[in-house]
All heavy atoms as atom14 arrays in JSON, in Angstrom:
{
  "sequence": "DGLDDEALAARVTECFHAVSGDKHLRLLVRSPDHRAAGTPAEAEAA",
  "atom14_mask": [
    [1, 1, 1, 1, 1, 1, 1, 1, 0, 0, 0, 0, 0, 0],
    [1, 1, 1, 1, 0, 0, 0, 0, 0, 0, 0, 0, 0, 0],
    [1, 1, 1, 1, 1, 1, 1, 1, 0, 0, 0, 0, 0, 0],
    [1, 1, 1, 1, 1, 1, 1, 1, 0, 0, 0, 0, 0, 0],
    [1, 1, 1, 1, 1, 1, 1, 1, 0, 0, 0, 0, 0, 0],
    [1, 1, 1, 1, 1, 1, 1, 1, 1, 0, 0, 0, 0, 0],
    [1, 1, 1, 1, 1, 0, 0, 0, 0, 0, 0, 0, 0, 0],
    [1, 1, 1, 1, 1, 1, 1, 1, 0, 0, 0, 0, 0, 0],
    [1, 1, 1, 1, 1, 0, 0, 0, 0, 0, 0, 0, 0, 0],
    [1, 1, 1, 1, 1, 0, 0, 0, 0, 0, 0, 0, 0, 0],
    [1, 1, 1, 1, 1, 1, 1, 1, 1, 1, 1, 0, 0, 0],
    [1, 1, 1, 1, 1, 1, 1, 0, 0, 0, 0, 0, 0, 0],
    [1, 1, 1, 1, 1, 1, 1, 0, 0, 0, 0, 0, 0, 0],
    [1, 1, 1, 1, 1, 1, 1, 1, 1, 0, 0, 0, 0, 0],
    [1, 1, 1, 1, 1, 1, 0, 0, 0, 0, 0, 0, 0, 0],
    [1, 1, 1, 1, 1, 1, 1, 1, 1, 1, 1, 0, 0, 0],
    [1, 1, 1, 1, 1, 1, 1, 1, 1, 1, 0, 0, 0, 0],
    [1, 1, 1, 1, 1, 0, 0, 0, 0, 0, 0, 0, 0, 0],
    [1, 1, 1, 1, 1, 1, 1, 0, 0, 0, 0, 0, 0, 0],
    [1, 1, 1, 1, 1, 1, 0, 0, 0, 0, 0, 0, 0, 0],
    [1, 1, 1, 1, 0, 0, 0, 0, 0, 0, 0, 0, 0, 0],
    [1, 1, 1, 1, 1, 1, 1, 1, 0, 0, 0, 0, 0, 0],
    [1, 1, 1, 1, 1, 1, 1, 1, 1, 0, 0, 0, 0, 0],
    [1, 1, 1, 1, 1, 1, 1, 1, 1, 1, 0, 0, 0, 0],
    [1, 1, 1, 1, 1, 1, 1, 1, 0, 0, 0, 0, 0, 0],
    [1, 1, 1, 1, 1, 1, 1, 1, 1, 1, 1, 0, 0, 0],
    [1, 1, 1, 1, 1, 1, 1, 1, 0, 0, 0, 0, 0, 0],
    [1, 1, 1, 1, 1, 1, 1, 1, 0, 0, 0, 0, 0, 0],
    [1, 1, 1, 1, 1, 1, 1, 0, 0, 0, 0, 0, 0, 0],
    [1, 1, 1, 1, 1, 1, 1, 1, 1, 1, 1, 0, 0, 0],
    [1, 1, 1, 1, 1, 1, 0, 0, 0, 0, 0, 0, 0, 0],
    [1, 1, 1, 1, 1, 1, 1, 0, 0, 0, 0, 0, 0, 0],
    [1, 1, 1, 1, 1, 1, 1, 1, 0, 0, 0, 0, 0, 0],
    [1, 1, 1, 1, 1, 1, 1, 1, 1, 1, 0, 0, 0, 0],
    [1, 1, 1, 1, 1, 1, 1, 1, 1, 1, 1, 0, 0, 0],
    [1, 1, 1, 1, 1, 0, 0, 0, 0, 0, 0, 0, 0, 0],
    [1, 1, 1, 1, 1, 0, 0, 0, 0, 0, 0, 0, 0, 0],
    [1, 1, 1, 1, 0, 0, 0, 0, 0, 0, 0, 0, 0, 0],
    [1, 1, 1, 1, 1, 1, 1, 0, 0, 0, 0, 0, 0, 0],
    [1, 1, 1, 1, 1, 1, 1, 0, 0, 0, 0, 0, 0, 0],
    [1, 1, 1, 1, 1, 0, 0, 0, 0, 0, 0, 0, 0, 0],
    [1, 1, 1, 1, 1, 1, 1, 1, 1, 0, 0, 0, 0, 0],
    [1, 1, 1, 1, 1, 0, 0, 0, 0, 0, 0, 0, 0, 0],
    [1, 1, 1, 1, 1, 1, 1, 1, 1, 0, 0, 0, 0, 0],
    [1, 1, 1, 1, 1, 0, 0, 0, 0, 0, 0, 0, 0, 0],
    [1, 1, 1, 1, 1, 0, 0, 0, 0, 0, 0, 0, 0, 0]
  ],
  "atom14_positions": [
    [[105.58, 53.57, 79.77], [105.18, 53.03, 78.39], [104.08, 51.87, 78.7], [104.24, 51.01, 79.5], [106.4, 52.3, 77.71], [107.35, 53.39, 77.26], [107.04, 54.53, 77.31], [108.5, 52.91, 76.75], [0.0, 0.0, 0.0], [0.0, 0.0, 0.0], [0.0, 0.0, 0.0], [0.0, 0.0, 0.0], [0.0, 0.0, 0.0], [0.0, 0.0, 0.0]],
    [[102.96, 51.88, 77.9], [102.07, 50.89, 77.94], [101.05, 50.78, 79.06], [100.25, 49.94, 79.11], [0.0, 0.0, 0.0], [0.0, 0.0, 0.0], [0.0, 0.0, 0.0], [0.0, 0.0, 0.0], [0.0, 0.0, 0.0], [0.0, 0.0, 0.0], [0.0, 0.0, 0.0], [0.0, 0.0, 0.0], [0.0, 0.0, 0.0], [0.0, 0.0, 0.0]],
    [[101.1, 51.93, 79.93], [100.18, 51.93, 81.03], [98.9, 52.48, 80.6], [98.72, 53.4, 79.87], [100.85, 52.8, 82.2], [102.16, 52.44, 82.77], [102.63, 53.37, 83.76], [102.11, 51.07, 83.25], [0.0, 0.0, 0.0], [0.0, 0.0, 0.0], [0.0, 0.0, 0.0], [0.0, 0.0, 0.0], [0.0, 0.0, 0.0], [0.0, 0.0, 0.0]],
    [[97.73, 51.79, 81.18], [96.51, 52.43, 81.09], [96.41, 53.62, 82.01], [97.27, 54.04, 82.68], [95.32, 51.49, 81.26], [95.43, 50.92, 82.72], [95.84, 51.55, 83.53], [94.67, 49.92, 83.02], [0.0, 0.0, 0.0], [0.0, 0.0, 0.0], [0.0, 0.0, 0.0], [0.0, 0.0, 0.0], [0.0, 0.0, 0.0], [0.0, 0.0, 0.0]],
    [[95.18, 54.38, 81.79], [94.98, 55.67, 82.47], [95.3, 55.56, 84.0], [95.88, 56.4, 84.65], [93.73, 56.29, 82.15], [93.51, 56.85, 80.9], [94.65, 57.13, 80.25], [92.4, 57.15, 80.45], [0.0, 0.0, 0.0], [0.0, 0.0, 0.0], [0.0, 0.0, 0.0], [0.0, 0.0, 0.0], [0.0, 0.0, 0.0], [0.0, 0.0, 0.0]],
    [[94.55, 54.53, 84.65], [94.76, 54.47, 86.06], [96.1, 54.12, 86.5], [96.61, 54.71, 87.51], [93.72, 53.31, 86.52], [92.26, 53.77, 86.54], [91.42, 52.73, 87.31], [91.86, 51.89, 87.92], [90.17, 53.02, 87.18], [0.0, 0.0, 0.0], [0.0, 0.0, 0.0], [0.0, 0.0, 0.0], [0.0, 0.0, 0.0], [0.0, 0.0, 0.0]],
    [[96.82, 53.19, 85.74], [98.14, 52.81, 86.17], [99.09, 54.0, 85.95], [100.04, 54.44, 86.77], [98.68, 51.64, 85.3], [0.0, 0.0, 0.0], [0.0, 0.0, 0.0], [0.0, 0.0, 0.0], [0.0, 0.0, 0.0], [0.0, 0.0, 0.0], [0.0, 0.0, 0.0], [0.0, 0.0, 0.0], [0.0, 0.0, 0.0], [0.0, 0.0, 0.0]],
    [[98.95, 54.84, 84.78], [99.73, 56.05, 84.6], [99.51, 56.99, 85.54], [100.58, 57.55, 86.03], [99.35, 56.54, 83.21], [100.21, 57.88, 82.72], [101.67, 57.49, 82.68], [99.56, 58.3, 81.4], [0.0, 0.0, 0.0], [0.0, 0.0, 0.0], [0.0, 0.0, 0.0], [0.0, 0.0, 0.0], [0.0, 0.0, 0.0], [0.0, 0.0, 0.0]],
    [[98.25, 57.29, 85.9], [98.03, 58.31, 87.05], [98.71, 57.95, 88.36], [99.33, 58.84, 89.05], [96.53, 58.54, 87.17], [0.0, 0.0, 0.0], [0.0, 0.0, 0.0], [0.0, 0.0, 0.0], [0.0, 0.0, 0.0], [0.0, 0.0, 0.0], [0.0, 0.0, 0.0], [0.0, 0.0, 0.0], [0.0, 0.0, 0.0], [0.0, 0.0, 0.0]],
    [[98.58, 56.63, 88.63], [99.22, 56.25, 89.95], [100.73, 56.3, 89.84], [101.28, 56.85, 90.83], [98.72, 54.8, 90.31], [0.0, 0.0, 0.0], [0.0, 0.0, 0.0], [0.0, 0.0, 0.0], [0.0, 0.0, 0.0], [0.0, 0.0, 0.0], [0.0, 0.0, 0.0], [0.0, 0.0, 0.0], [0.0, 0.0, 0.0], [0.0, 0.0, 0.0]],
    [[101.33, 56.04, 88.73], [102.8, 56.04, 88.61], [103.41, 57.42, 88.65], [104.31, 57.71, 89.4], [103.2, 55.19, 87.4], [104.66, 54.98, 87.37], [105.15, 53.92, 88.23], [104.48, 52.76, 87.97], [104.95, 51.76, 87.06], [105.9, 52.11, 86.19], [104.25, 50.65, 86.99], [0.0, 0.0, 0.0], [0.0, 0.0, 0.0], [0.0, 0.0, 0.0]],
    [[102.67, 58.25, 87.93], [103.05, 59.63, 87.92], [102.89, 60.35, 89.28], [103.76, 61.12, 89.74], [102.44, 60.43, 86.72], [102.61, 61.95, 86.92], [102.84, 59.91, 85.35], [0.0, 0.0, 0.0], [0.0, 0.0, 0.0], [0.0, 0.0, 0.0], [0.0, 0.0, 0.0], [0.0, 0.0, 0.0], [0.0, 0.0, 0.0], [0.0, 0.0, 0.0]],
    [[101.84, 60.04, 89.92], [101.57, 60.64, 91.13], [102.54, 60.15, 92.19], [103.05, 60.98, 93.07], [100.02, 60.37, 91.58], [99.17, 60.97, 90.69], [99.79, 60.9, 93.0], [0.0, 0.0, 0.0], [0.0, 0.0, 0.0], [0.0, 0.0, 0.0], [0.0, 0.0, 0.0], [0.0, 0.0, 0.0], [0.0, 0.0, 0.0], [0.0, 0.0, 0.0]],
    [[102.9, 58.89, 92.1], [103.89, 58.42, 93.04], [105.13, 59.17, 92.93], [105.9, 59.57, 93.9], [104.04, 56.91, 92.78], [105.13, 56.36, 93.7], [106.5, 56.37, 93.08], [106.75, 56.38, 91.88], [107.5, 56.53, 93.88], [0.0, 0.0, 0.0], [0.0, 0.0, 0.0], [0.0, 0.0, 0.0], [0.0, 0.0, 0.0], [0.0, 0.0, 0.0]],
    [[105.64, 59.51, 91.6], [106.76, 60.27, 91.44], [106.56, 61.74, 91.95], [107.56, 62.16, 92.44], [107.0, 60.29, 89.85], [108.56, 61.06, 89.44], [0.0, 0.0, 0.0], [0.0, 0.0, 0.0], [0.0, 0.0, 0.0], [0.0, 0.0, 0.0], [0.0, 0.0, 0.0], [0.0, 0.0, 0.0], [0.0, 0.0, 0.0], [0.0, 0.0, 0.0]],
    [[105.57, 62.24, 91.61], [105.33, 63.59, 92.06], [105.5, 63.71, 93.65], [106.24, 64.63, 94.17], [103.78, 64.18, 91.88], [103.54, 64.51, 90.53], [102.25, 64.55, 90.05], [104.56, 64.99, 89.58], [101.88, 65.05, 88.83], [104.16, 65.33, 88.26], [102.91, 65.43, 87.88], [0.0, 0.0, 0.0], [0.0, 0.0, 0.0], [0.0, 0.0, 0.0]],
    [[104.86, 62.75, 94.4], [105.06, 62.8, 95.82], [106.45, 62.46, 96.25], [106.94, 62.99, 97.39], [103.98, 61.75, 96.43], [102.56, 62.11, 96.14], [101.45, 61.37, 96.49], [101.98, 63.29, 95.6], [100.36, 61.97, 96.25], [100.61, 63.04, 95.75], [0.0, 0.0, 0.0], [0.0, 0.0, 0.0], [0.0, 0.0, 0.0], [0.0, 0.0, 0.0]],
    [[107.08, 61.46, 95.72], [108.44, 61.17, 96.04], [109.39, 62.34, 95.87], [110.3, 62.53, 96.76], [108.98, 60.0, 95.09], [0.0, 0.0, 0.0], [0.0, 0.0, 0.0], [0.0, 0.0, 0.0], [0.0, 0.0, 0.0], [0.0, 0.0, 0.0], [0.0, 0.0, 0.0], [0.0, 0.0, 0.0], [0.0, 0.0, 0.0], [0.0, 0.0, 0.0]],
    [[109.21, 63.19, 94.9], [110.16, 64.31, 94.7], [109.71, 65.6, 95.53], [110.36, 66.26, 96.2], [110.08, 64.77, 93.17], [111.06, 65.97, 93.05], [110.69, 63.59, 92.35], [0.0, 0.0, 0.0], [0.0, 0.0, 0.0], [0.0, 0.0, 0.0], [0.0, 0.0, 0.0], [0.0, 0.0, 0.0], [0.0, 0.0, 0.0], [0.0, 0.0, 0.0]],
    [[108.36, 65.83, 95.47], [107.93, 67.18, 96.07], [107.42, 66.93, 97.61], [107.39, 67.96, 98.28], [106.69, 67.68, 95.28], [105.6, 66.87, 95.4], [0.0, 0.0, 0.0], [0.0, 0.0, 0.0], [0.0, 0.0, 0.0], [0.0, 0.0, 0.0], [0.0, 0.0, 0.0], [0.0, 0.0, 0.0], [0.0, 0.0, 0.0], [0.0, 0.0, 0.0]],
    [[106.88, 65.65, 97.9], [106.23, 65.6, 99.19], [104.86, 66.17, 99.27], [104.22, 66.31, 100.38], [0.0, 0.0, 0.0], [0.0, 0.0, 0.0], [0.0, 0.0, 0.0], [0.0, 0.0, 0.0], [0.0, 0.0, 0.0], [0.0, 0.0, 0.0], [0.0, 0.0, 0.0], [0.0, 0.0, 0.0], [0.0, 0.0, 0.0], [0.0, 0.0, 0.0]],
    [[104.34, 66.77, 98.2], [103.02, 67.49, 98.15], [101.94, 66.66, 97.74], [101.89, 66.22, 96.58], [103.2, 68.71, 97.13], [102.13, 69.71, 97.26], [101.01, 69.22, 97.58], [102.33, 70.91, 96.88], [0.0, 0.0, 0.0], [0.0, 0.0, 0.0], [0.0, 0.0, 0.0], [0.0, 0.0, 0.0], [0.0, 0.0, 0.0], [0.0, 0.0, 0.0]],
    [[101.07, 66.35, 98.64], [100.05, 65.44, 98.6], [98.93, 65.95, 97.45], [97.95, 65.25, 97.02], [99.44, 64.88, 99.66], [100.33, 64.09, 100.47], [99.71, 63.52, 101.71], [100.65, 62.82, 102.62], [101.72, 63.55, 103.23], [0.0, 0.0, 0.0], [0.0, 0.0, 0.0], [0.0, 0.0, 0.0], [0.0, 0.0, 0.0], [0.0, 0.0, 0.0]],
    [[98.83, 67.3, 97.3], [97.91, 67.84, 96.33], [98.39, 67.72, 94.91], [97.56, 67.87, 94.03], [97.77, 69.38, 96.67], [96.76, 69.64, 97.68], [96.95, 70.08, 98.97], [95.39, 69.58, 97.72], [95.96, 70.22, 99.64], [94.96, 69.96, 98.99], [0.0, 0.0, 0.0], [0.0, 0.0, 0.0], [0.0, 0.0, 0.0], [0.0, 0.0, 0.0]],
    [[99.66, 67.4, 94.64], [100.12, 67.47, 93.26], [99.92, 66.06, 92.72], [100.59, 65.05, 93.21], [101.66, 67.82, 93.22], [102.37, 67.81, 91.86], [101.78, 68.85, 90.97], [103.91, 68.05, 92.03], [0.0, 0.0, 0.0], [0.0, 0.0, 0.0], [0.0, 0.0, 0.0], [0.0, 0.0, 0.0], [0.0, 0.0, 0.0], [0.0, 0.0, 0.0]],
    [[98.95, 65.97, 91.82], [98.47, 64.53, 91.36], [98.17, 64.57, 89.95], [97.64, 65.61, 89.34], [97.22, 64.13, 92.15], [97.54, 64.01, 93.7], [96.21, 63.78, 94.39], [95.56, 64.99, 94.48], [94.19, 65.21, 94.98], [93.6, 63.97, 95.29], [93.69, 66.35, 95.02], [0.0, 0.0, 0.0], [0.0, 0.0, 0.0], [0.0, 0.0, 0.0]],
    [[98.38, 63.52, 89.18], [97.6, 63.11, 87.97], [96.45, 62.28, 88.36], [96.6, 61.26, 89.01], [98.58, 62.39, 86.99], [98.06, 62.04, 85.67], [97.73, 63.42, 84.82], [99.03, 61.31, 84.83], [0.0, 0.0, 0.0], [0.0, 0.0, 0.0], [0.0, 0.0, 0.0], [0.0, 0.0, 0.0], [0.0, 0.0, 0.0], [0.0, 0.0, 0.0]],
    [[95.36, 62.68, 87.74], [94.04, 61.97, 88.09], [93.29, 61.54, 86.81], [93.39, 62.19, 85.79], [93.16, 63.06, 88.89], [93.73, 63.5, 90.2], [92.96, 64.78, 90.51], [93.79, 62.49, 91.3], [0.0, 0.0, 0.0], [0.0, 0.0, 0.0], [0.0, 0.0, 0.0], [0.0, 0.0, 0.0], [0.0, 0.0, 0.0], [0.0, 0.0, 0.0]],
    [[92.56, 60.51, 87.08], [91.56, 60.04, 86.03], [90.37, 60.79, 86.22], [89.77, 61.04, 87.22], [91.26, 58.56, 86.16], [90.27, 58.15, 85.1], [92.53, 57.72, 86.13], [0.0, 0.0, 0.0], [0.0, 0.0, 0.0], [0.0, 0.0, 0.0], [0.0, 0.0, 0.0], [0.0, 0.0, 0.0], [0.0, 0.0, 0.0], [0.0, 0.0, 0.0]],
    [[89.98, 61.53, 85.16], [88.78, 62.47, 85.07], [87.52, 61.55, 85.32], [87.35, 60.51, 84.82], [88.71, 63.21, 83.8], [89.84, 64.05, 83.45], [89.68, 64.98, 82.32], [88.83, 66.07, 82.58], [88.25, 66.8, 81.74], [88.44, 66.55, 80.41], [87.56, 67.88, 81.95], [0.0, 0.0, 0.0], [0.0, 0.0, 0.0], [0.0, 0.0, 0.0]],
    [[86.67, 62.11, 86.22], [85.3, 61.42, 86.51], [84.48, 61.38, 85.24], [84.67, 62.17, 84.22], [84.57, 62.27, 87.42], [83.99, 63.41, 86.93], [0.0, 0.0, 0.0], [0.0, 0.0, 0.0], [0.0, 0.0, 0.0], [0.0, 0.0, 0.0], [0.0, 0.0, 0.0], [0.0, 0.0, 0.0], [0.0, 0.0, 0.0], [0.0, 0.0, 0.0]],
    [[83.7, 60.33, 85.03], [82.81, 60.31, 83.84], [81.91, 61.53, 83.59], [81.74, 61.93, 82.44], [81.81, 59.08, 84.18], [82.57, 58.28, 85.17], [83.48, 59.3, 85.91], [0.0, 0.0, 0.0], [0.0, 0.0, 0.0], [0.0, 0.0, 0.0], [0.0, 0.0, 0.0], [0.0, 0.0, 0.0], [0.0, 0.0, 0.0], [0.0, 0.0, 0.0]],
    [[81.47, 62.23, 84.58], [80.77, 63.53, 84.43], [81.6, 64.55, 83.72], [81.11, 65.24, 82.96], [80.22, 63.93, 85.75], [79.14, 63.08, 86.28], [78.44, 62.34, 85.49], [78.71, 63.2, 87.52], [0.0, 0.0, 0.0], [0.0, 0.0, 0.0], [0.0, 0.0, 0.0], [0.0, 0.0, 0.0], [0.0, 0.0, 0.0], [0.0, 0.0, 0.0]],
    [[82.84, 64.69, 84.15], [83.69, 65.72, 83.64], [84.09, 65.34, 82.14], [84.24, 66.16, 81.34], [84.99, 65.81, 84.44], [84.7, 66.6, 85.73], [85.6, 66.73, 86.78], [83.79, 67.43, 86.04], [85.13, 67.53, 87.71], [84.02, 67.92, 87.38], [0.0, 0.0, 0.0], [0.0, 0.0, 0.0], [0.0, 0.0, 0.0], [0.0, 0.0, 0.0]],
    [[84.24, 64.01, 81.91], [84.52, 63.54, 80.51], [83.41, 63.98, 79.56], [83.59, 64.27, 78.34], [84.73, 62.09, 80.51], [86.02, 61.64, 81.29], [86.22, 60.17, 81.04], [86.99, 59.51, 82.12], [87.31, 58.23, 82.14], [86.85, 57.48, 81.25], [88.07, 57.92, 83.2], [0.0, 0.0, 0.0], [0.0, 0.0, 0.0], [0.0, 0.0, 0.0]],
    [[82.1, 63.86, 80.09], [80.98, 64.11, 79.31], [80.77, 65.52, 79.02], [80.07, 65.92, 77.99], [79.76, 63.41, 79.83], [0.0, 0.0, 0.0], [0.0, 0.0, 0.0], [0.0, 0.0, 0.0], [0.0, 0.0, 0.0], [0.0, 0.0, 0.0], [0.0, 0.0, 0.0], [0.0, 0.0, 0.0], [0.0, 0.0, 0.0], [0.0, 0.0, 0.0]],
    [[81.37, 66.33, 79.93], [81.17, 67.86, 79.71], [81.94, 68.4, 78.66], [83.19, 68.23, 78.64], [81.48, 68.62, 81.16], [0.0, 0.0, 0.0], [0.0, 0.0, 0.0], [0.0, 0.0, 0.0], [0.0, 0.0, 0.0], [0.0, 0.0, 0.0], [0.0, 0.0, 0.0], [0.0, 0.0, 0.0], [0.0, 0.0, 0.0], [0.0, 0.0, 0.0]],
    [[81.42, 68.92, 77.59], [82.08, 69.53, 76.46], [82.57, 70.85, 76.62], [83.49, 71.17, 75.92], [0.0, 0.0, 0.0], [0.0, 0.0, 0.0], [0.0, 0.0, 0.0], [0.0, 0.0, 0.0], [0.0, 0.0, 0.0], [0.0, 0.0, 0.0], [0.0, 0.0, 0.0], [0.0, 0.0, 0.0], [0.0, 0.0, 0.0], [0.0, 0.0, 0.0]],
    [[82.07, 71.6, 77.57], [82.61, 72.99, 77.66], [82.75, 73.25, 79.14], [82.42, 72.62, 80.04], [81.49, 73.97, 77.17], [80.36, 73.94, 78.08], [81.06, 73.72, 75.78], [0.0, 0.0, 0.0], [0.0, 0.0, 0.0], [0.0, 0.0, 0.0], [0.0, 0.0, 0.0], [0.0, 0.0, 0.0], [0.0, 0.0, 0.0], [0.0, 0.0, 0.0]],
    [[83.54, 74.35, 79.44], [83.87, 74.6, 80.9], [82.46, 74.92, 81.63], [82.31, 74.6, 82.87], [84.6, 75.94, 80.86], [85.33, 75.83, 79.61], [84.42, 75.14, 78.6], [0.0, 0.0, 0.0], [0.0, 0.0, 0.0], [0.0, 0.0, 0.0], [0.0, 0.0, 0.0], [0.0, 0.0, 0.0], [0.0, 0.0, 0.0], [0.0, 0.0, 0.0]],
    [[81.46, 75.54, 80.93], [80.27, 75.77, 81.67], [79.49, 74.36, 81.94], [78.89, 74.27, 83.04], [79.35, 76.55, 80.71], [0.0, 0.0, 0.0], [0.0, 0.0, 0.0], [0.0, 0.0, 0.0], [0.0, 0.0, 0.0], [0.0, 0.0, 0.0], [0.0, 0.0, 0.0], [0.0, 0.0, 0.0], [0.0, 0.0, 0.0], [0.0, 0.0, 0.0]],
    [[79.6, 73.43, 81.08], [79.04, 72.06, 81.34], [79.68, 71.45, 82.45], [79.15, 70.81, 83.33], [79.12, 71.31, 80.11], [78.06, 71.78, 79.01], [78.27, 71.07, 77.67], [79.32, 70.4, 77.44], [77.35, 71.05, 76.83], [0.0, 0.0, 0.0], [0.0, 0.0, 0.0], [0.0, 0.0, 0.0], [0.0, 0.0, 0.0], [0.0, 0.0, 0.0]],
    [[81.1, 71.65, 82.48], [81.86, 70.91, 83.62], [81.47, 71.56, 84.85], [81.39, 70.89, 85.91], [83.28, 71.18, 83.38], [0.0, 0.0, 0.0], [0.0, 0.0, 0.0], [0.0, 0.0, 0.0], [0.0, 0.0, 0.0], [0.0, 0.0, 0.0], [0.0, 0.0, 0.0], [0.0, 0.0, 0.0], [0.0, 0.0, 0.0], [0.0, 0.0, 0.0]],
    [[81.26, 72.94, 84.97], [80.86, 73.63, 86.28], [79.41, 73.07, 86.58], [79.18, 72.87, 87.74], [80.75, 75.04, 85.97], [80.34, 75.95, 87.14], [81.29, 75.97, 88.25], [82.34, 75.5, 88.17], [80.92, 76.52, 89.38], [0.0, 0.0, 0.0], [0.0, 0.0, 0.0], [0.0, 0.0, 0.0], [0.0, 0.0, 0.0], [0.0, 0.0, 0.0]],
    [[78.5, 72.97, 85.72], [77.19, 72.49, 85.95], [77.18, 71.0, 86.61], [76.66, 70.75, 87.47], [76.31, 72.51, 84.75], [0.0, 0.0, 0.0], [0.0, 0.0, 0.0], [0.0, 0.0, 0.0], [0.0, 0.0, 0.0], [0.0, 0.0, 0.0], [0.0, 0.0, 0.0], [0.0, 0.0, 0.0], [0.0, 0.0, 0.0], [0.0, 0.0, 0.0]],
    [[78.15, 70.12, 85.96], [78.28, 68.77, 86.42], [78.66, 68.84, 87.88], [78.23, 68.06, 88.7], [79.0, 68.05, 85.55], [0.0, 0.0, 0.0], [0.0, 0.0, 0.0], [0.0, 0.0, 0.0], [0.0, 0.0, 0.0], [0.0, 0.0, 0.0], [0.0, 0.0, 0.0], [0.0, 0.0, 0.0], [0.0, 0.0, 0.0], [0.0, 0.0, 0.0]]
  ]
}
């Protein structure tokens, strides 16, 4: 509750890793370029 994006991503990822041990399983803050991309094609171009 009440966490901003970075804190939420870090807390959820910590839980992911504690349970699974899988370092690829993560909640991530999207990059500004990906946020600006409106379509999958624009995201691929970025």
